[in-house]
Amino acid sequence: MTEAVSRPTLEAVAARAGVSRATVSRVVNGGDGVREPLAERVRQAVEELGYVPNQAARSLVTKRHDAVAVVIAEPEARVFADPFFALQLRGISKELTAHDNQLVLLLTEGRADHARVARYLAGGHVDGALVFSLHLDDPLPGLIRKAGVPTVFGGRPDWSDGGPGPVYVDSDNRGGAREAVRHLVGLGRTRIAHITGALDQTSAVDRLDGYRDVMGDADPRLVVESDFTPGGGERAMRELLDRCPDVDAVFAANDLTALGALRVLREHGRRVPDDVAVIGFDDVLPVAEQAEPPLTTVRQDIEEMGRLMARLLLRGRVGDTPGAAPAEASGSAPAEASGAGVVLPTTLIRRASA
């Protein structure tokens, strides 16, 4: 066993700096009204003593917890198997860390978890929430609104309660899909199929709409619904080959779906891209670059989406107008602002599959 080491107190810092306890409290909690020479003496004493503020006591003063909940409306198995979520979490974590905030990860295995998440958010443990991968009938937005927690959503919301629109960050899913399908048309492909994502999510609906923008009245048998997973891509590709054996191109709703489609095409002796060209969506590099052949795909800046979600939440919180953060991006790529949302651009990345 190790002996507990006594932590330096506010009183010890005050004695070292030669100021009052109240002055130390104002400095360490970011308050105003302390002359700079005194504030510098306090900061020096804090460093010399290794003083660490008590977070619970600090929260009573600042009314902040310096913690943000990240709510992913997916089961644990999906979150840790899909590199999309790792990239988005990395972007969020980088931004929160830069502002000395903690990330609290909350996952929902099923509907029973929604009430638990809502209770936690309403309990005053965090300053705000970042919520993504919502499904169309998900009760979480309503529960979070009742909890009164400042929130930024990942992905275009599909609801409206008549009040101010929710703040969200998304990619140009429809425009990216159009660019992918136009590329396939430009290659001379005429039987272009689409394997969708889960159509209870707006990203999948937008990508399907982008496909239809280009293909118009294409054979409806060329569209097969899937679920953003490799297994779903395999099932959908088999169904496509049964329905339309003359298919000569596939636009998949994401890279993992495309990976599943490539496996089935190999099994059936279809050469990619000679017989069937394949395009994905996301540009998740471990998947896209290591696919066989390397995958042509639509790149969205997933990490930047996470950073921007956190940035908008923190900016709204600092300005004491949560939910009303300005719709702008400070990343390298320009963003299209729409109401309370930010839509980041996408880019077609050409590799060997199409």
Protein backbone atom coordinates (compact mmCIF):
# COMPACT_ATOMS: atom_id res chain seq x y z
CA MET A 1 0.00 0.00 0.00
CA THR A 2 1.15 3.54 -0.66
CA GLU A 3 0.66 6.41 1.70
CA ALA A 4 -1.76 9.13 0.64
CA VAL A 5 0.07 12.35 -0.17
CA SER A 6 -1.64 15.50 1.07
CA ARG A 7 -2.61 17.81 -1.76
CA PRO A 8 -1.73 21.51 -1.66
CA THR A 9 -4.72 23.63 -0.65
CA LEU A 10 -5.96 27.05 -1.68
CA GLU A 11 -4.76 28.30 1.67
CA ALA A 12 -1.24 27.02 0.96
CA VAL A 13 -1.20 28.74 -2.42
CA ALA A 14 -2.49 31.96 -0.84
CA ALA A 15 0.25 31.84 1.82
CA ARG A 16 2.96 31.21 -0.79
CA ALA A 17 1.70 34.06 -3.01
CA GLY A 18 1.00 36.43 -0.14
CA VAL A 19 -2.60 37.04 -1.16
CA SER A 20 -6.03 36.13 0.16
CA ARG A 21 -7.74 32.80 -0.42
CA ALA A 22 -10.47 34.60 -2.40
CA THR A 23 -7.86 36.05 -4.76
CA VAL A 24 -6.42 32.59 -5.41
CA SER A 25 -9.92 31.22 -6.06
CA ARG A 26 -10.66 33.95 -8.63
CA VAL A 27 -7.39 33.33 -10.47
CA VAL A 28 -7.58 29.53 -10.66
CA ASN A 29 -11.25 29.65 -11.68
CA GLY A 30 -10.68 32.20 -14.44
CA GLY A 31 -12.43 35.06 -12.71
CA ASP A 32 -11.87 38.77 -13.31
CA GLY A 33 -10.86 41.62 -11.03
CA VAL A 34 -7.34 40.51 -10.07
CA ARG A 35 -4.46 42.79 -11.04
CA GLU A 36 -1.94 41.07 -13.31
CA PRO A 37 1.03 41.26 -10.88
CA LEU A 38 -1.05 39.49 -8.21
CA ALA A 39 -2.41 36.98 -10.71
CA GLU A 40 1.13 36.16 -11.83
CA ARG A 41 2.20 35.57 -8.21
CA VAL A 42 -0.72 33.19 -7.77
CA ARG A 43 0.11 31.28 -10.98
CA GLN A 44 3.73 30.96 -9.88
CA ALA A 45 2.69 29.65 -6.44
CA VAL A 46 0.32 27.15 -8.11
CA GLU A 47 3.17 25.85 -10.26
CA GLU A 48 5.66 25.67 -7.39
CA LEU A 49 3.28 23.79 -5.11
CA GLY A 50 1.77 21.60 -7.83
CA TYR A 51 -1.72 22.72 -6.86
CA VAL A 52 -4.57 21.01 -8.74
CA PRO A 53 -8.05 22.55 -8.37
CA ASN A 54 -10.77 20.37 -6.88
CA GLN A 55 -13.13 19.90 -9.81
CA ALA A 56 -16.25 19.54 -7.68
CA ALA A 57 -15.51 22.76 -5.80
CA ARG A 58 -14.52 24.51 -9.01
CA SER A 59 -17.82 23.53 -10.66
CA LEU A 60 -19.73 25.20 -7.83
CA VAL A 61 -17.95 28.46 -8.63
CA THR A 62 -17.85 28.35 -12.44
CA LYS A 63 -21.10 26.40 -13.03
CA ARG A 64 -19.11 24.31 -15.50
CA HIS A 65 -17.81 20.76 -15.38
CA ASP A 66 -15.29 20.96 -18.24
CA ALA A 67 -16.74 17.69 -19.52
CA VAL A 68 -18.71 16.93 -22.68
CA ALA A 69 -20.79 13.82 -23.36
CA VAL A 70 -20.38 12.11 -26.73
CA VAL A 71 -23.49 10.05 -27.45
CA ILE A 72 -23.32 7.51 -30.26
CA ALA A 73 -26.68 5.96 -31.06
CA GLU A 74 -25.16 2.60 -31.99
CA PRO A 75 -24.33 -0.62 -30.13
CA GLU A 76 -20.80 -1.13 -28.85
CA ALA A 77 -19.96 -3.82 -31.41
CA ARG A 78 -20.72 -1.46 -34.31
CA VAL A 79 -18.85 1.51 -32.83
CA PHE A 80 -15.60 -0.37 -32.24
CA ALA A 81 -15.73 -2.23 -35.57
CA ASP A 82 -16.25 0.79 -37.83
CA PRO A 83 -13.22 3.10 -38.29
CA PHE A 84 -15.60 5.97 -39.11
CA PHE A 85 -16.41 6.32 -35.42
CA ALA A 86 -12.75 6.19 -34.38
CA LEU A 87 -11.94 9.07 -36.74
CA GLN A 88 -14.84 11.18 -35.53
CA LEU A 89 -13.97 10.52 -31.89
CA ARG A 90 -10.35 11.46 -32.57
CA GLY A 91 -11.42 14.82 -33.96
CA ILE A 92 -13.71 15.45 -31.00
CA SER A 93 -11.05 14.41 -28.50
CA LYS A 94 -8.41 16.68 -30.03
CA GLU A 95 -10.67 19.71 -29.84
CA LEU A 96 -11.86 19.01 -26.30
CA THR A 97 -8.31 18.36 -25.10
CA ALA A 98 -7.16 21.65 -26.58
CA HIS A 99 -9.74 23.36 -24.36
CA ASP A 100 -8.98 21.25 -21.26
CA ASN A 101 -12.31 19.41 -21.45
CA GLN A 102 -12.96 15.74 -20.75
CA LEU A 103 -14.80 13.39 -23.11
CA VAL A 104 -17.48 11.15 -21.61
CA LEU A 105 -18.51 8.41 -24.06
CA LEU A 106 -22.09 7.12 -23.91
CA LEU A 107 -23.29 4.30 -26.17
CA THR A 108 -26.81 2.97 -26.69
CA GLU A 109 -27.16 -0.78 -27.08
CA GLY A 110 -30.91 -0.45 -27.44
CA ARG A 111 -33.98 1.53 -26.50
CA ALA A 112 -33.56 0.63 -22.84
CA ASP A 113 -30.39 2.72 -22.78
CA HIS A 114 -32.05 5.92 -23.99
CA ALA A 115 -33.62 6.73 -20.63
CA ARG A 116 -30.28 6.04 -18.91
CA VAL A 117 -28.46 8.45 -21.22
CA ALA A 118 -31.15 11.10 -20.76
CA ARG A 119 -30.96 10.80 -16.96
CA TYR A 120 -27.19 11.18 -17.05
CA LEU A 121 -27.36 14.27 -19.24
CA ALA A 122 -30.09 15.84 -17.10
CA GLY A 123 -28.07 15.14 -13.94
CA GLY A 124 -25.70 18.04 -14.49
CA HIS A 125 -22.57 15.93 -15.03
CA VAL A 126 -21.54 17.56 -18.32
CA ASP A 127 -21.68 20.97 -19.98
CA GLY A 128 -23.07 19.72 -23.27
CA ALA A 129 -23.50 16.79 -25.63
CA LEU A 130 -22.29 15.78 -29.08
CA VAL A 131 -24.69 13.28 -30.62
CA PHE A 132 -24.32 11.33 -33.85
CA SER A 133 -25.41 8.27 -35.84
CA LEU A 134 -29.06 8.94 -35.02
CA HIS A 135 -31.81 6.90 -36.66
CA LEU A 136 -35.02 8.40 -37.97
CA ASP A 137 -37.28 7.16 -35.17
CA ASP A 138 -34.73 7.73 -32.42
CA PRO A 139 -36.23 9.27 -29.25
CA LEU A 140 -32.86 10.67 -28.13
CA PRO A 141 -33.29 14.19 -29.59
CA GLY A 142 -36.54 14.67 -27.68
CA LEU A 143 -35.09 13.27 -24.47
CA ILE A 144 -32.00 15.46 -24.77
CA ARG A 145 -34.12 18.54 -25.43
CA LYS A 146 -36.10 17.82 -22.25
CA ALA A 147 -32.81 17.46 -20.36
CA GLY A 148 -31.94 21.03 -21.36
CA VAL A 149 -28.39 20.20 -22.40
CA PRO A 150 -26.63 22.28 -25.11
CA THR A 151 -26.21 19.89 -28.04
CA VAL A 152 -24.54 19.66 -31.43
CA PHE A 153 -25.58 16.82 -33.74
CA GLY A 154 -23.47 14.92 -36.23
CA GLY A 155 -25.47 14.49 -39.43
CA ARG A 156 -28.43 16.36 -40.87
CA PRO A 157 -31.39 16.13 -38.49
CA ASP A 158 -34.75 15.06 -39.87
CA TRP A 159 -36.99 16.58 -37.24
CA SER A 160 -38.44 19.99 -36.45
CA ASP A 161 -40.34 21.07 -33.38
CA GLY A 162 -41.14 24.57 -34.62
CA GLY A 163 -38.34 26.16 -32.61
CA PRO A 164 -34.80 27.13 -33.60
CA GLY A 165 -33.19 24.49 -35.78
CA PRO A 166 -30.70 22.17 -34.11
CA VAL A 167 -27.02 22.88 -34.56
CA TYR A 168 -25.39 20.16 -36.65
CA VAL A 169 -22.35 19.26 -38.75
CA ASP A 170 -22.63 17.11 -41.85
CA SER A 171 -20.90 16.35 -45.15
CA ASP A 172 -22.32 16.98 -48.61
CA ASN A 173 -23.63 13.43 -48.93
CA ARG A 174 -25.92 14.13 -51.86
CA GLY A 175 -23.34 16.10 -53.82
CA GLY A 176 -20.65 13.49 -53.18
CA ALA A 177 -22.95 10.73 -54.39
CA ARG A 178 -23.72 12.68 -57.56
CA GLU A 179 -20.01 13.12 -58.27
CA ALA A 180 -19.37 9.39 -57.79
CA VAL A 181 -22.17 8.32 -60.14
CA ARG A 182 -21.22 10.91 -62.75
CA HIS A 183 -17.71 9.49 -62.71
CA LEU A 184 -19.10 6.02 -63.42
CA VAL A 185 -21.22 7.40 -66.26
CA GLY A 186 -18.12 9.11 -67.63
CA LEU A 187 -16.39 5.72 -67.71
CA GLY A 188 -19.08 4.50 -70.08
CA ARG A 189 -20.93 2.37 -67.53
CA THR A 190 -24.64 1.96 -68.21
CA ARG A 191 -25.89 -0.53 -65.59
CA ILE A 192 -24.91 1.38 -62.45
CA ALA A 193 -26.21 -0.04 -59.19
CA HIS A 194 -26.41 1.49 -55.74
CA ILE A 195 -26.03 -0.39 -52.47
CA THR A 196 -27.57 1.93 -49.90
CA GLY A 197 -26.75 2.47 -46.27
CA ALA A 198 -29.35 2.08 -43.54
CA LEU A 199 -32.24 4.16 -44.87
CA ASP A 200 -33.36 5.16 -41.39
CA GLN A 201 -30.37 7.54 -41.38
CA THR A 202 -30.30 10.80 -43.32
CA SER A 203 -26.80 10.23 -44.70
CA ALA A 204 -27.99 7.08 -46.49
CA VAL A 205 -31.11 8.83 -47.79
CA ASP A 206 -29.04 11.74 -49.10
CA ARG A 207 -26.62 9.42 -50.90
CA LEU A 208 -29.51 7.53 -52.48
CA ASP A 209 -30.99 10.85 -53.61
CA GLY A 210 -27.63 11.81 -55.14
CA TYR A 211 -27.59 8.53 -57.09
CA ARG A 212 -31.13 9.18 -58.34
CA ASP A 213 -30.24 12.76 -59.31
CA VAL A 214 -27.90 11.31 -61.94
CA MET A 215 -29.57 8.02 -62.83
CA GLY A 216 -33.13 9.34 -63.02
CA ASP A 217 -35.46 6.51 -63.99
CA ALA A 218 -32.88 3.73 -63.75
CA ASP A 219 -34.04 0.16 -63.31
CA PRO A 220 -35.29 -0.01 -59.66
CA ARG A 221 -33.75 -3.47 -59.36
CA LEU A 222 -30.35 -1.76 -59.42
CA VAL A 223 -30.94 -0.31 -55.91
CA VAL A 224 -30.50 -2.68 -52.97
CA GLU A 225 -30.85 -1.60 -49.35
CA SER A 226 -28.02 -2.42 -46.95
CA ASP A 227 -26.71 -1.25 -43.57
CA PHE A 228 -23.21 0.33 -43.88
CA THR A 229 -21.44 -2.95 -42.92
CA PRO A 230 -19.21 -5.36 -44.88
CA GLY A 231 -21.67 -8.18 -44.30
CA GLY A 232 -24.49 -6.02 -45.58
CA GLY A 233 -22.43 -5.21 -48.66
CA GLU A 234 -21.86 -8.90 -49.34
CA ARG A 235 -25.56 -9.74 -49.05
CA ALA A 236 -26.56 -6.80 -51.24
CA MET A 237 -23.98 -7.64 -53.93
CA ARG A 238 -25.19 -11.23 -54.14
CA GLU A 239 -28.74 -9.98 -54.50
CA LEU A 240 -27.66 -7.55 -57.21
CA LEU A 241 -25.91 -10.26 -59.22
CA ASP A 242 -29.03 -12.42 -58.98
CA ARG A 243 -31.31 -9.56 -60.04
CA CYS A 244 -29.09 -7.91 -62.63
CA PRO A 245 -26.23 -10.13 -63.78
CA ASP A 246 -25.29 -7.48 -66.37
CA VAL A 247 -24.45 -4.84 -63.71
CA ASP A 248 -21.24 -3.06 -64.73
CA ALA A 249 -20.78 -0.55 -61.88
CA VAL A 250 -21.63 -0.21 -58.18
CA PHE A 251 -21.78 2.90 -56.03
CA ALA A 252 -21.71 1.71 -52.40
CA ALA A 253 -22.96 3.91 -49.56
CA ASN A 254 -19.69 3.60 -47.64
CA ASP A 255 -16.27 1.97 -47.86
CA LEU A 256 -17.15 -0.98 -45.63
CA THR A 257 -20.13 -1.79 -47.85
CA ALA A 258 -17.89 -1.53 -50.91
CA LEU A 259 -15.40 -3.91 -49.26
CA GLY A 260 -18.14 -6.52 -48.91
CA ALA A 261 -19.19 -6.00 -52.52
CA LEU A 262 -15.60 -6.50 -53.74
CA ARG A 263 -15.38 -9.83 -51.93
CA VAL A 264 -18.51 -11.15 -53.65
CA LEU A 265 -17.41 -9.91 -57.05
CA ARG A 266 -14.13 -11.83 -56.64
CA GLU A 267 -16.04 -14.94 -55.61
CA HIS A 268 -18.09 -14.69 -58.82
CA GLY A 269 -15.06 -14.15 -61.01
CA ARG A 270 -15.96 -10.54 -61.86
CA ARG A 271 -12.89 -8.41 -62.49
CA VAL A 272 -12.76 -4.94 -60.91
CA PRO A 273 -12.79 -2.52 -62.64
CA ASP A 274 -12.77 -4.34 -66.02
CA ASP A 275 -16.14 -6.05 -65.57
CA VAL A 276 -17.59 -4.05 -62.67
CA ALA A 277 -16.35 -0.65 -61.43
CA VAL A 278 -16.83 0.04 -57.70
CA ILE A 279 -16.93 3.30 -55.75
CA GLY A 280 -17.35 3.74 -52.00
CA PHE A 281 -17.91 6.69 -49.67
CA ASP A 282 -15.87 7.99 -46.68
CA ASP A 283 -12.25 7.38 -47.72
CA VAL A 284 -11.39 5.56 -44.52
CA LEU A 285 -7.76 4.92 -45.44
CA PRO A 286 -7.15 1.51 -43.80
CA VAL A 287 -10.15 0.24 -45.77
CA ALA A 288 -9.91 2.20 -49.03
CA GLU A 289 -6.16 1.93 -49.63
CA GLN A 290 -5.83 -1.71 -48.62
CA ALA A 291 -8.85 -2.93 -50.56
CA GLU A 292 -8.16 -5.21 -53.54
CA PRO A 293 -8.03 -3.31 -55.80
CA PRO A 294 -7.57 0.03 -53.95
CA LEU A 295 -10.93 1.72 -53.70
CA THR A 296 -12.10 4.80 -55.56
CA THR A 297 -14.24 6.61 -53.02
CA VAL A 298 -15.80 9.89 -51.95
CA ARG A 299 -13.72 11.53 -49.24
CA GLN A 300 -15.40 13.30 -46.35
CA ASP A 301 -13.22 14.82 -43.64
CA ILE A 302 -14.52 12.72 -40.77
CA GLU A 303 -12.00 13.93 -38.22
CA GLU A 304 -12.72 17.57 -39.08
CA MET A 305 -16.43 16.89 -38.62
CA GLY A 306 -15.69 15.78 -35.07
CA ARG A 307 -13.45 18.77 -34.37
CA LEU A 308 -16.05 21.16 -35.71
CA MET A 309 -18.86 19.61 -33.67
CA ALA A 310 -16.83 20.13 -30.49
CA ARG A 311 -15.77 23.63 -31.57
CA LEU A 312 -19.36 24.73 -32.16
CA LEU A 313 -20.49 23.35 -28.81
CA LEU A 314 -17.67 24.99 -26.87
CA ARG A 315 -18.12 28.29 -28.67
CA GLY A 316 -21.83 28.31 -27.94
CA ARG A 317 -21.19 27.46 -24.31
CA VAL A 318 -18.57 30.15 -23.87
CA GLY A 319 -20.92 32.69 -25.40
CA ASP A 320 -23.73 31.60 -23.06
CA THR A 321 -25.96 30.92 -26.07
CA PRO A 322 -25.89 27.13 -26.31
CA GLY A 323 -27.47 25.79 -29.45
CA ALA A 324 -26.91 29.06 -31.28
CA ALA A 325 -23.29 28.68 -32.30
CA PRO A 326 -22.25 30.35 -35.53
CA ALA A 327 -22.31 28.12 -38.60
CA GLU A 328 -18.73 28.37 -39.78
CA ALA A 329 -15.73 26.11 -40.12
CA SER A 330 -12.12 26.95 -39.46
CA GLY A 331 -10.64 23.86 -41.15
CA SER A 332 -8.69 23.90 -44.38
CA ALA A 333 -11.72 23.15 -46.55
CA PRO A 334 -14.58 25.61 -47.07
CA ALA A 335 -17.93 24.72 -45.56
CA GLU A 336 -21.44 25.46 -46.69
CA ALA A 337 -23.61 26.86 -43.90
CA SER A 338 -27.33 26.11 -43.93
CA GLY A 339 -29.46 27.52 -41.11
CA ALA A 340 -28.02 26.14 -37.90
CA GLY A 341 -25.96 23.54 -39.75
CA VAL A 342 -22.53 23.30 -41.32
CA VAL A 343 -22.10 21.13 -44.41
CA LEU A 344 -18.53 20.19 -45.26
CA PRO A 345 -17.54 19.51 -48.88
CA THR A 346 -16.61 16.09 -50.29
CA THR A 347 -14.04 15.07 -52.89
CA LEU A 348 -13.86 12.08 -55.24
CA ILE A 349 -10.59 10.18 -54.70
CA ARG A 350 -9.70 8.07 -57.72
CA ARG A 351 -7.93 4.75 -57.25
CA ALA A 352 -7.90 1.47 -59.15
CA SER A 353 -11.46 0.21 -58.56
CA ALA A 354 -13.13 2.76 -60.90
